[in-house]
Amino acid sequence: MLLLLAGCSATSVVAGQRFVLVNDPTGISDKIPSGALALDTRTGQLCYTISGTSAGAPALPMCSDLARKNQQ
């Protein structure tokens, strides 16, 4: 249940988990370790949670880069 409290000068803020860990939804590579992929719930884009992915793994941005990009 979500409860928002707002007054005359209050600002409502809805917070949630931005990056959700996912398994390799493509099944494209067995080189991606468990916990290395996340879904950015704001953009719908897959990203890596750790650097140094193996050859043969899909080219995806780092989750930290996506977070910084959206803060600007």
Protein backbone atom coordinates (compact mmCIF):
# COMPACT_ATOMS: atom_id res chain seq x y z
CA MET A 1 0.00 0.00 0.00
CA LEU A 2 1.28 3.46 -0.88
CA LEU A 3 0.44 6.37 1.34
CA LEU A 4 1.24 9.92 0.29
CA LEU A 5 0.97 12.72 2.78
CA ALA A 6 0.91 16.21 1.34
CA GLY A 7 0.33 19.54 3.00
CA CYS A 8 0.37 23.11 1.75
CA SER A 9 4.14 23.25 1.49
CA ALA A 10 4.98 19.54 1.37
CA THR A 11 6.24 17.77 -1.72
CA SER A 12 5.11 14.21 -2.43
CA VAL A 13 7.88 11.76 -3.15
CA VAL A 14 7.37 8.23 -4.38
CA ALA A 15 10.48 6.14 -3.92
CA GLY A 16 11.12 2.63 -5.10
CA GLN A 17 13.89 0.31 -6.09
CA ARG A 18 15.44 1.62 -9.29
CA PHE A 19 17.69 -1.29 -10.26
CA VAL A 20 16.27 -4.80 -9.91
CA LEU A 21 18.56 -7.81 -10.31
CA VAL A 22 17.52 -10.17 -13.12
CA ASN A 23 18.79 -13.38 -14.65
CA ASP A 24 20.00 -13.28 -18.26
CA PRO A 25 16.62 -12.86 -19.98
CA THR A 26 18.11 -13.40 -23.42
CA GLY A 27 19.91 -16.63 -22.60
CA ILE A 28 22.54 -15.28 -24.99
CA SER A 29 25.59 -15.96 -22.86
CA ASP A 30 26.58 -18.37 -20.15
CA LYS A 31 29.46 -15.96 -19.45
CA ILE A 32 27.27 -13.60 -17.41
CA PRO A 33 27.62 -14.39 -13.69
CA SER A 34 24.57 -14.47 -11.45
CA GLY A 35 23.78 -11.03 -10.04
CA ALA A 36 25.62 -9.20 -12.83
CA LEU A 37 22.49 -7.97 -14.65
CA ALA A 38 19.85 -5.53 -13.48
CA LEU A 39 16.82 -3.85 -15.00
CA ASP A 40 16.63 -0.06 -14.70
CA THR A 41 12.99 0.45 -13.74
CA ARG A 42 13.04 4.08 -14.94
CA THR A 43 14.31 3.43 -18.47
CA GLY A 44 13.51 -0.25 -18.95
CA GLN A 45 17.12 -0.86 -19.95
CA LEU A 46 19.30 -3.79 -18.90
CA CYS A 47 22.64 -2.91 -17.33
CA TYR A 48 25.62 -4.53 -15.64
CA THR A 49 26.08 -4.30 -11.88
CA ILE A 50 29.76 -5.32 -12.09
CA SER A 51 32.48 -4.49 -14.58
CA GLY A 52 34.76 -6.89 -16.39
CA THR A 53 32.19 -8.97 -18.26
CA SER A 54 33.51 -11.80 -20.38
CA ALA A 55 33.91 -11.90 -24.13
CA GLY A 56 30.72 -13.08 -25.76
CA ALA A 57 28.51 -11.24 -23.27
CA PRO A 58 26.22 -8.55 -24.72
CA ALA A 59 27.42 -4.93 -24.70
CA LEU A 60 25.37 -3.15 -22.03
CA PRO A 61 25.97 -0.01 -19.97
CA MET A 62 26.90 -0.04 -16.31
CA CYS A 63 24.00 0.61 -13.91
CA SER A 64 26.11 3.24 -12.14
CA ASP A 65 26.51 5.12 -15.45
CA LEU A 66 22.75 5.09 -16.02
CA ALA A 67 22.16 6.41 -12.50
CA ARG A 68 24.64 9.27 -13.01
CA LYS A 69 23.26 10.07 -16.46
CA ASN A 70 19.72 10.54 -15.11
CA GLN A 71 20.88 12.77 -12.24
CA GLN A 72 22.23 15.42 -14.61
